[in-house]
Amino acid sequence: MLALVRKQLRNHPALIPLFIFIGGGATMSMVYLARLGLRNPDVCWDRKNNPEPWNKMGPTDQYKFYTVNMDYSKLKKEGPDF
């Protein structure tokens, strides 16, 4: 399979950027999915020791990937402690 791809790339060098961008996009999507699975407070990997991880999030914890003009250090807690 790789020999066939290598042969096609030698015959058609214009396909090289296509393979680079497709590979980069696949890598970035896998990294983003791994980040969602490991950093998102909605995901619970250990039900026995931490059944509700979203309750342990403080008001200054940043879990969003990207926010515009948001300073998490100045936020105050609005709800009661459970």
PDB file of N, CA and C in Angstrom:
ATOM      1  N   MET A   1       0.827  -1.190   0.000  1.00  0.00           N
ATOM      2  CA  MET A   1       0.000   0.000   0.000  1.00  0.00           C
ATOM      3  C   MET A   1       0.874   1.257   0.000  1.00  0.00           C
ATOM      4  N   LEU A   2       1.879   1.277   0.888  1.00  0.00           N
ATOM      5  CA  LEU A   2       2.754   2.449   0.927  1.00  0.00           C
ATOM      6  C   LEU A   2       3.598   2.559  -0.333  1.00  0.00           C
ATOM      7  N   ALA A   3       3.943   1.442  -0.920  1.00  0.00           N
ATOM      8  CA  ALA A   3       4.714   1.478  -2.167  1.00  0.00           C
ATOM      9  C   ALA A   3       3.881   2.094  -3.287  1.00  0.00           C
ATOM     10  N   LEU A   4       2.587   1.782  -3.309  1.00  0.00           N
ATOM     11  CA  LEU A   4       1.707   2.363  -4.320  1.00  0.00           C
ATOM     12  C   LEU A   4       1.564   3.874  -4.128  1.00  0.00           C
ATOM     13  N   VAL A   5       1.431   4.303  -2.879  1.00  0.00           N
ATOM     14  CA  VAL A   5       1.338   5.738  -2.595  1.00  0.00           C
ATOM     15  C   VAL A   5       2.637   6.433  -2.991  1.00  0.00           C
ATOM     16  N   ARG A   6       3.766   5.840  -2.651  1.00  0.00           N
ATOM     17  CA  ARG A   6       5.064   6.426  -3.006  1.00  0.00           C
ATOM     18  C   ARG A   6       5.217   6.532  -4.524  1.00  0.00           C
ATOM     19  N   LYS A   7       4.757   5.528  -5.246  1.00  0.00           N
ATOM     20  CA  LYS A   7       4.846   5.554  -6.714  1.00  0.00           C
ATOM     21  C   LYS A   7       3.973   6.664  -7.277  1.00  0.00           C
ATOM     22  N   GLN A   8       2.775   6.813  -6.745  1.00  0.00           N
ATOM     23  CA  GLN A   8       1.877   7.872  -7.220  1.00  0.00           C
ATOM     24  C   GLN A   8       2.448   9.257  -6.919  1.00  0.00           C
ATOM     25  N   LEU A   9       3.080   9.415  -5.746  1.00  0.00           N
ATOM     26  CA  LEU A   9       3.660  10.713  -5.395  1.00  0.00           C
ATOM     27  C   LEU A   9       4.854  11.050  -6.282  1.00  0.00           C
ATOM     28  N   ARG A  10       5.600  10.044  -6.708  1.00  0.00           N
ATOM     29  CA  ARG A  10       6.712  10.302  -7.632  1.00  0.00           C
ATOM     30  C   ARG A  10       6.196  10.719  -9.001  1.00  0.00           C
ATOM     31  N   ASN A  11       5.096  10.110  -9.434  1.00  0.00           N
ATOM     32  CA  ASN A  11       4.543  10.454 -10.745  1.00  0.00           C
ATOM     33  C   ASN A  11       3.764  11.766 -10.728  1.00  0.00           C
ATOM     34  N   HIS A  12       3.141  12.086  -9.584  1.00  0.00           N
ATOM     35  CA  HIS A  12       2.325  13.297  -9.467  1.00  0.00           C
ATOM     36  C   HIS A  12       2.751  14.072  -8.220  1.00  0.00           C
ATOM     37  N   PRO A  13       3.797  14.879  -8.289  1.00  0.00           N
ATOM     38  CA  PRO A  13       4.294  15.591  -7.104  1.00  0.00           C
ATOM     39  C   PRO A  13       3.323  16.664  -6.586  1.00  0.00           C
ATOM     40  N   ALA A  14       2.326  17.031  -7.359  1.00  0.00           N
ATOM     41  CA  ALA A  14       1.354  18.024  -6.894  1.00  0.00           C
ATOM     42  C   ALA A  14       0.455  17.452  -5.798  1.00  0.00           C
ATOM     43  N   LEU A  15       0.477  16.138  -5.606  1.00  0.00           N
ATOM     44  CA  LEU A  15      -0.332  15.523  -4.547  1.00  0.00           C
ATOM     45  C   LEU A  15       0.319  15.609  -3.167  1.00  0.00           C
ATOM     46  N   ILE A  16       1.588  15.977  -3.094  1.00  0.00           N
ATOM     47  CA  ILE A  16       2.299  16.022  -1.814  1.00  0.00           C
ATOM     48  C   ILE A  16       1.639  17.009  -0.843  1.00  0.00           C
ATOM     49  N   PRO A  17       1.299  18.245  -1.230  1.00  0.00           N
ATOM     50  CA  PRO A  17       0.620  19.142  -0.273  1.00  0.00           C
ATOM     51  C   PRO A  17      -0.733  18.597   0.183  1.00  0.00           C
ATOM     52  N   LEU A  18      -1.420  17.894  -0.685  1.00  0.00           N
ATOM     53  CA  LEU A  18      -2.697  17.302  -0.302  1.00  0.00           C
ATOM     54  C   LEU A  18      -2.510  16.295   0.827  1.00  0.00           C
ATOM     55  N   PHE A  19      -1.510  15.420   0.704  1.00  0.00           N
ATOM     56  CA  PHE A  19      -1.248  14.448   1.752  1.00  0.00           C
ATOM     57  C   PHE A  19      -0.816  15.129   3.047  1.00  0.00           C
ATOM     58  N   ILE A  20      -0.037  16.188   2.947  1.00  0.00           N
ATOM     59  CA  ILE A  20       0.420  16.909   4.143  1.00  0.00           C
ATOM     60  C   ILE A  20      -0.757  17.538   4.877  1.00  0.00           C
ATOM     61  N   PHE A  21      -1.643  18.210   4.146  1.00  0.00           N
ATOM     62  CA  PHE A  21      -2.765  18.884   4.798  1.00  0.00           C
ATOM     63  C   PHE A  21      -3.798  17.896   5.334  1.00  0.00           C
ATOM     64  N   ILE A  22      -4.045  16.828   4.631  1.00  0.00           N
ATOM     65  CA  ILE A  22      -4.973  15.806   5.122  1.00  0.00           C
ATOM     66  C   ILE A  22      -4.407  15.146   6.383  1.00  0.00           C
ATOM     67  N   GLY A  23      -3.120  14.839   6.388  1.00  0.00           N
ATOM     68  CA  GLY A  23      -2.485  14.258   7.571  1.00  0.00           C
ATOM     69  C   GLY A  23      -2.477  15.221   8.753  1.00  0.00           C
ATOM     70  N   GLY A  24      -2.212  16.497   8.484  1.00  0.00           N
ATOM     71  CA  GLY A  24      -2.250  17.504   9.549  1.00  0.00           C
ATOM     72  C   GLY A  24      -3.638  17.682  10.130  1.00  0.00           C
ATOM     73  N   GLY A  25      -4.641  17.694   9.267  1.00  0.00           N
ATOM     74  CA  GLY A  25      -6.018  17.825   9.742  1.00  0.00           C
ATOM     75  C   GLY A  25      -6.457  16.632  10.573  1.00  0.00           C
ATOM     76  N   ALA A  26      -6.073  15.440  10.152  1.00  0.00           N
ATOM     77  CA  ALA A  26      -6.415  14.243  10.923  1.00  0.00           C
ATOM     78  C   ALA A  26      -5.710  14.251  12.276  1.00  0.00           C
ATOM     79  N   THR A  27      -4.458  14.699  12.304  1.00  0.00           N
ATOM     80  CA  THR A  27      -3.718  14.769  13.565  1.00  0.00           C
ATOM     81  C   THR A  27      -4.336  15.790  14.509  1.00  0.00           C
ATOM     82  N   MET A  28      -4.692  16.966  13.995  1.00  0.00           N
ATOM     83  CA  MET A  28      -5.300  17.989  14.847  1.00  0.00           C
ATOM     84  C   MET A  28      -6.655  17.554  15.383  1.00  0.00           C
ATOM     85  N   SER A  29      -7.428  16.838  14.571  1.00  0.00           N
ATOM     86  CA  SER A  29      -8.730  16.379  15.055  1.00  0.00           C
ATOM     87  C   SER A  29      -8.563  15.333  16.154  1.00  0.00           C
ATOM     88  N   MET A  30      -7.581  14.457  16.041  1.00  0.00           N
ATOM     89  CA  MET A  30      -7.328  13.463  17.092  1.00  0.00           C
ATOM     90  C   MET A  30      -6.845  14.124  18.380  1.00  0.00           C
ATOM     91  N   VAL A  31      -6.005  15.137  18.267  1.00  0.00           N
ATOM     92  CA  VAL A  31      -5.535  15.851  19.452  1.00  0.00           C
ATOM     93  C   VAL A  31      -6.697  16.571  20.136  1.00  0.00           C
ATOM     94  N   TYR A  32      -7.582  17.179  19.362  1.00  0.00           N
ATOM     95  CA  TYR A  32      -8.734  17.874  19.941  1.00  0.00           C
ATOM     96  C   TYR A  32      -9.691  16.887  20.615  1.00  0.00           C
ATOM     97  N   LEU A  33      -9.920  15.750  20.031  1.00  0.00           N
ATOM     98  CA  LEU A  33     -10.777  14.745  20.668  1.00  0.00           C
ATOM     99  C   LEU A  33     -10.151  14.215  21.958  1.00  0.00           C
ATOM    100  N   ALA A  34      -8.836  14.049  21.965  1.00  0.00           N
ATOM    101  CA  ALA A  34      -8.162  13.626  23.195  1.00  0.00           C
ATOM    102  C   ALA A  34      -8.283  14.698  24.267  1.00  0.00           C
ATOM    103  N   ARG A  35      -8.180  15.968  23.883  1.00  0.00           N
ATOM    104  CA  ARG A  35      -8.334  17.057  24.844  1.00  0.00           C
ATOM    105  C   ARG A  35      -9.745  17.091  25.407  1.00  0.00           C
ATOM    106  N   LEU A  36     -10.732  16.882  24.567  1.00  0.00           N
ATOM    107  CA  LEU A  36     -12.104  16.845  25.060  1.00  0.00           C
ATOM    108  C   LEU A  36     -12.318  15.698  26.050  1.00  0.00           C
ATOM    109  N   GLY A  37     -11.740  14.562  25.761  1.00  0.00           N
ATOM    110  CA  GLY A  37     -11.912  13.420  26.640  1.00  0.00           C
ATOM    111  C   GLY A  37     -11.182  13.545  27.963  1.00  0.00           C
ATOM    112  N   LEU A  38     -10.087  14.304  27.990  1.00  0.00           N
ATOM    113  CA  LEU A  38      -9.285  14.392  29.199  1.00  0.00           C
ATOM    114  C   LEU A  38      -9.539  15.657  30.019  1.00  0.00           C
ATOM    115  N   ARG A  39      -9.927  16.759  29.391  1.00  0.00           N
ATOM    116  CA  ARG A  39     -10.027  18.031  30.096  1.00  0.00           C
ATOM    117  C   ARG A  39     -11.458  18.515  30.325  1.00  0.00           C
ATOM    118  N   ASN A  40     -12.432  17.958  29.666  1.00  0.00           N
ATOM    119  CA  ASN A  40     -13.805  18.424  29.782  1.00  0.00           C
ATOM    120  C   ASN A  40     -14.403  17.967  31.116  1.00  0.00           C
ATOM    121  N   PRO A  41     -15.047  18.860  31.877  1.00  0.00           N
ATOM    122  CA  PRO A  41     -15.615  18.445  33.167  1.00  0.00           C
ATOM    123  C   PRO A  41     -16.853  17.561  33.025  1.00  0.00           C
ATOM    124  N   ASP A  42     -17.420  17.459  31.850  1.00  0.00           N
ATOM    125  CA  ASP A  42     -18.592  16.607  31.654  1.00  0.00           C
ATOM    126  C   ASP A  42     -18.227  15.141  31.503  1.00  0.00           C
ATOM    127  N   VAL A  43     -16.958  14.838  31.294  1.00  0.00           N
ATOM    128  CA  VAL A  43     -16.506  13.460  31.090  1.00  0.00           C
ATOM    129  C   VAL A  43     -16.069  12.878  32.427  1.00  0.00           C
ATOM    130  N   CYS A  44     -16.598  11.719  32.775  1.00  0.00           N
ATOM    131  CA  CYS A  44     -16.278  11.067  34.045  1.00  0.00           C
ATOM    132  C   CYS A  44     -15.602   9.728  33.752  1.00  0.00           C
ATOM    133  N   TRP A  45     -14.308   9.611  34.045  1.00  0.00           N
ATOM    134  CA  TRP A  45     -13.563   8.386  33.803  1.00  0.00           C
ATOM    135  C   TRP A  45     -13.573   7.468  35.017  1.00  0.00           C
ATOM    136  N   ASP A  46     -13.740   8.023  36.214  1.00  0.00           N
ATOM    137  CA  ASP A  46     -13.676   7.240  37.442  1.00  0.00           C
ATOM    138  C   ASP A  46     -14.956   7.474  38.242  1.00  0.00           C
ATOM    139  N   ARG A  47     -15.952   6.645  38.047  1.00  0.00           N
ATOM    140  CA  ARG A  47     -17.236   6.830  38.721  1.00  0.00           C
ATOM    141  C   ARG A  47     -17.184   6.511  40.207  1.00  0.00           C
ATOM    142  N   LYS A  48     -16.258   5.664  40.600  1.00  0.00           N
ATOM    143  CA  LYS A  48     -16.205   5.246  41.998  1.00  0.00           C
ATOM    144  C   LYS A  48     -15.651   6.357  42.897  1.00  0.00           C
ATOM    145  N   ASN A  49     -14.552   6.984  42.494  1.00  0.00           N
ATOM    146  CA  ASN A  49     -13.910   7.999  43.328  1.00  0.00           C
ATOM    147  C   ASN A  49     -14.384   9.417  43.040  1.00  0.00           C
ATOM    148  N   ASN A  50     -14.831   9.688  41.833  1.00  0.00           N
ATOM    149  CA  ASN A  50     -15.243  11.040  41.461  1.00  0.00           C
ATOM    150  C   ASN A  50     -16.484  10.952  40.576  1.00  0.00           C
ATOM    151  N   PRO A  51     -17.669  10.715  41.153  1.00  0.00           N
ATOM    152  CA  PRO A  51     -18.848  10.488  40.318  1.00  0.00           C
ATOM    153  C   PRO A  51     -19.364  11.743  39.622  1.00  0.00           C
ATOM    154  N   GLU A  52     -19.115  12.916  40.173  1.00  0.00           N
ATOM    155  CA  GLU A  52     -19.607  14.160  39.574  1.00  0.00           C
ATOM    156  C   GLU A  52     -18.464  15.179  39.493  1.00  0.00           C
ATOM    157  N   PRO A  53     -17.605  15.089  38.487  1.00  0.00           N
ATOM    158  CA  PRO A  53     -16.445  15.989  38.424  1.00  0.00           C
ATOM    159  C   PRO A  53     -16.821  17.436  38.140  1.00  0.00           C
ATOM    160  N   TRP A  54     -17.983  17.695  37.587  1.00  0.00           N
ATOM    161  CA  TRP A  54     -18.378  19.058  37.261  1.00  0.00           C
ATOM    162  C   TRP A  54     -18.690  19.856  38.521  1.00  0.00           C
ATOM    163  N   ASN A  55     -18.964  19.190  39.658  1.00  0.00           N
ATOM    164  CA  ASN A  55     -19.217  19.919  40.901  1.00  0.00           C
ATOM    165  C   ASN A  55     -17.931  20.431  41.540  1.00  0.00           C
ATOM    166  N   LYS A  56     -16.787  19.889  41.161  1.00  0.00           N
ATOM    167  CA  LYS A  56     -15.514  20.317  41.729  1.00  0.00           C
ATOM    168  C   LYS A  56     -14.869  21.444  40.935  1.00  0.00           C
ATOM    169  N   MET A  57     -15.521  21.915  39.885  1.00  0.00           N
ATOM    170  CA  MET A  57     -14.975  23.004  39.086  1.00  0.00           C
ATOM    171  C   MET A  57     -15.176  24.317  39.822  1.00  0.00           C
ATOM    172  N   GLY A  58     -14.113  25.068  39.982  1.00  0.00           N
ATOM    173  CA  GLY A  58     -14.190  26.377  40.613  1.00  0.00           C
ATOM    174  C   GLY A  58     -14.599  27.434  39.602  1.00  0.00           C
ATOM    175  N   PRO A  59     -14.974  28.625  40.078  1.00  0.00           N
ATOM    176  CA  PRO A  59     -15.375  29.679  39.134  1.00  0.00           C
ATOM    177  C   PRO A  59     -14.204  30.215  38.316  1.00  0.00           C
ATOM    178  N   THR A  60     -12.981  30.001  38.775  1.00  0.00           N
ATOM    179  CA  THR A  60     -11.816  30.508  38.038  1.00  0.00           C
ATOM    180  C   THR A  60     -11.166  29.445  37.164  1.00  0.00           C
ATOM    181  N   ASP A  61     -11.718  28.249  37.100  1.00  0.00           N
ATOM    182  CA  ASP A  61     -11.166  27.183  36.251  1.00  0.00           C
ATOM    183  C   ASP A  61     -11.597  27.388  34.810  1.00  0.00           C
ATOM    184  N   GLN A  62     -10.632  27.376  33.907  1.00  0.00           N
ATOM    185  CA  GLN A  62     -10.936  27.523  32.489  1.00  0.00           C
ATOM    186  C   GLN A  62     -10.968  26.145  31.857  1.00  0.00           C
ATOM    187  N   TYR A  63     -12.108  25.774  31.301  1.00  0.00           N
ATOM    188  CA  TYR A  63     -12.217  24.494  30.615  1.00  0.00           C
ATOM    189  C   TYR A  63     -12.664  24.661  29.172  1.00  0.00           C
ATOM    190  N   LYS A  64     -12.999  25.862  28.768  1.00  0.00           N
ATOM    191  CA  LYS A  64     -13.343  26.096  27.370  1.00  0.00           C
ATOM    192  C   LYS A  64     -12.063  26.172  26.549  1.00  0.00           C
ATOM    193  N   PHE A  65     -12.158  25.795  25.298  1.00  0.00           N
ATOM    194  CA  PHE A  65     -10.993  25.805  24.418  1.00  0.00           C
ATOM    195  C   PHE A  65     -10.580  27.232  24.067  1.00  0.00           C
ATOM    196  N   TYR A  66     -11.565  28.086  23.793  1.00  0.00           N
ATOM    197  CA  TYR A  66     -11.269  29.446  23.374  1.00  0.00           C
ATOM    198  C   TYR A  66     -12.394  30.366  23.829  1.00  0.00           C
ATOM    199  N   THR A  67     -12.066  31.453  24.497  1.00  0.00           N
ATOM    200  CA  THR A  67     -13.046  32.469  24.881  1.00  0.00           C
ATOM    201  C   THR A  67     -12.518  33.829  24.470  1.00  0.00           C
ATOM    202  N   VAL A  68     -13.423  34.721  24.141  1.00  0.00           N
ATOM    203  CA  VAL A  68     -13.053  36.056  23.699  1.00  0.00           C
ATOM    204  C   VAL A  68     -13.264  37.022  24.862  1.00  0.00           C
ATOM    205  N   ASN A  69     -12.224  37.740  25.230  1.00  0.00           N
ATOM    206  CA  ASN A  69     -12.263  38.773  26.261  1.00  0.00           C
ATOM    207  C   ASN A  69     -12.846  38.269  27.580  1.00  0.00           C
ATOM    208  N   MET A  70     -12.342  37.161  28.095  1.00  0.00           N
ATOM    209  CA  MET A  70     -12.832  36.607  29.362  1.00  0.00           C
ATOM    210  C   MET A  70     -11.654  36.444  30.311  1.00  0.00           C
ATOM    211  N   ASP A  71     -11.753  37.066  31.493  1.00  0.00           N
ATOM    212  CA  ASP A  71     -10.720  36.924  32.511  1.00  0.00           C
ATOM    213  C   ASP A  71     -11.279  36.039  33.615  1.00  0.00           C
ATOM    214  N   TYR A  72     -10.817  34.795  33.666  1.00  0.00           N
ATOM    215  CA  TYR A  72     -11.355  33.824  34.596  1.00  0.00           C
ATOM    216  C   TYR A  72     -10.946  34.101  36.039  1.00  0.00           C
ATOM    217  N   SER A  73      -9.881  34.861  36.247  1.00  0.00           N
ATOM    218  CA  SER A  73      -9.427  35.108  37.613  1.00  0.00           C
ATOM    219  C   SER A  73     -10.341  36.060  38.369  1.00  0.00           C
ATOM    220  N   LYS A  74     -11.186  36.822  37.679  1.00  0.00           N
ATOM    221  CA  LYS A  74     -12.070  37.789  38.341  1.00  0.00           C
ATOM    222  C   LYS A  74     -13.498  37.295  38.505  1.00  0.00           C
ATOM    223  N   LEU A  75     -13.776  36.062  38.142  1.00  0.00           N
ATOM    224  CA  LEU A  75     -15.133  35.542  38.271  1.00  0.00           C
ATOM    225  C   LEU A  75     -15.423  35.149  39.711  1.00  0.00           C
ATOM    226  N   LYS A  76     -16.710  35.274  40.095  1.00  0.00           N
ATOM    227  CA  LYS A  76     -17.124  34.898  41.436  1.00  0.00           C
ATOM    228  C   LYS A  76     -18.110  33.732  41.339  1.00  0.00           C
ATOM    229  N   LYS A  77     -18.169  32.939  42.371  1.00  0.00           N
ATOM    230  CA  LYS A  77     -19.070  31.794  42.393  1.00  0.00           C
ATOM    231  C   LYS A  77     -20.489  32.276  42.632  1.00  0.00           C
ATOM    232  N   GLU A  78     -21.437  31.786  41.815  1.00  0.00           N
ATOM    233  CA  GLU A  78     -22.812  32.246  41.904  1.00  0.00           C
ATOM    234  C   GLU A  78     -23.735  31.255  42.608  1.00  0.00           C
ATOM    235  N   GLY A  79     -23.331  30.000  42.726  1.00  0.00           N
ATOM    236  CA  GLY A  79     -24.205  28.990  43.293  1.00  0.00           C
ATOM    237  C   GLY A  79     -23.755  28.529  44.665  1.00  0.00           C
ATOM    238  N   PRO A  80     -24.562  27.699  45.318  1.00  0.00           N
ATOM    239  CA  PRO A  80     -24.200  27.196  46.643  1.00  0.00           C
ATOM    240  C   PRO A  80     -23.183  26.043  46.543  1.00  0.00           C
ATOM    241  N   ASP A  81     -22.534  25.757  47.662  1.00  0.00           N
ATOM    242  CA  ASP A  81     -21.634  24.612  47.750  1.00  0.00           C
ATOM    243  C   ASP A  81     -22.435  23.360  48.045  1.00  0.00           C
ATOM    244  N   PHE A  82     -22.111  22.263  47.365  1.00  0.00           N
ATOM    245  CA  PHE A  82     -22.807  20.999  47.600  1.00  0.00           C
ATOM    246  C   PHE A  82     -21.924  20.057  48.346  1.00  0.00           C
TER     247      PHE A  82
END
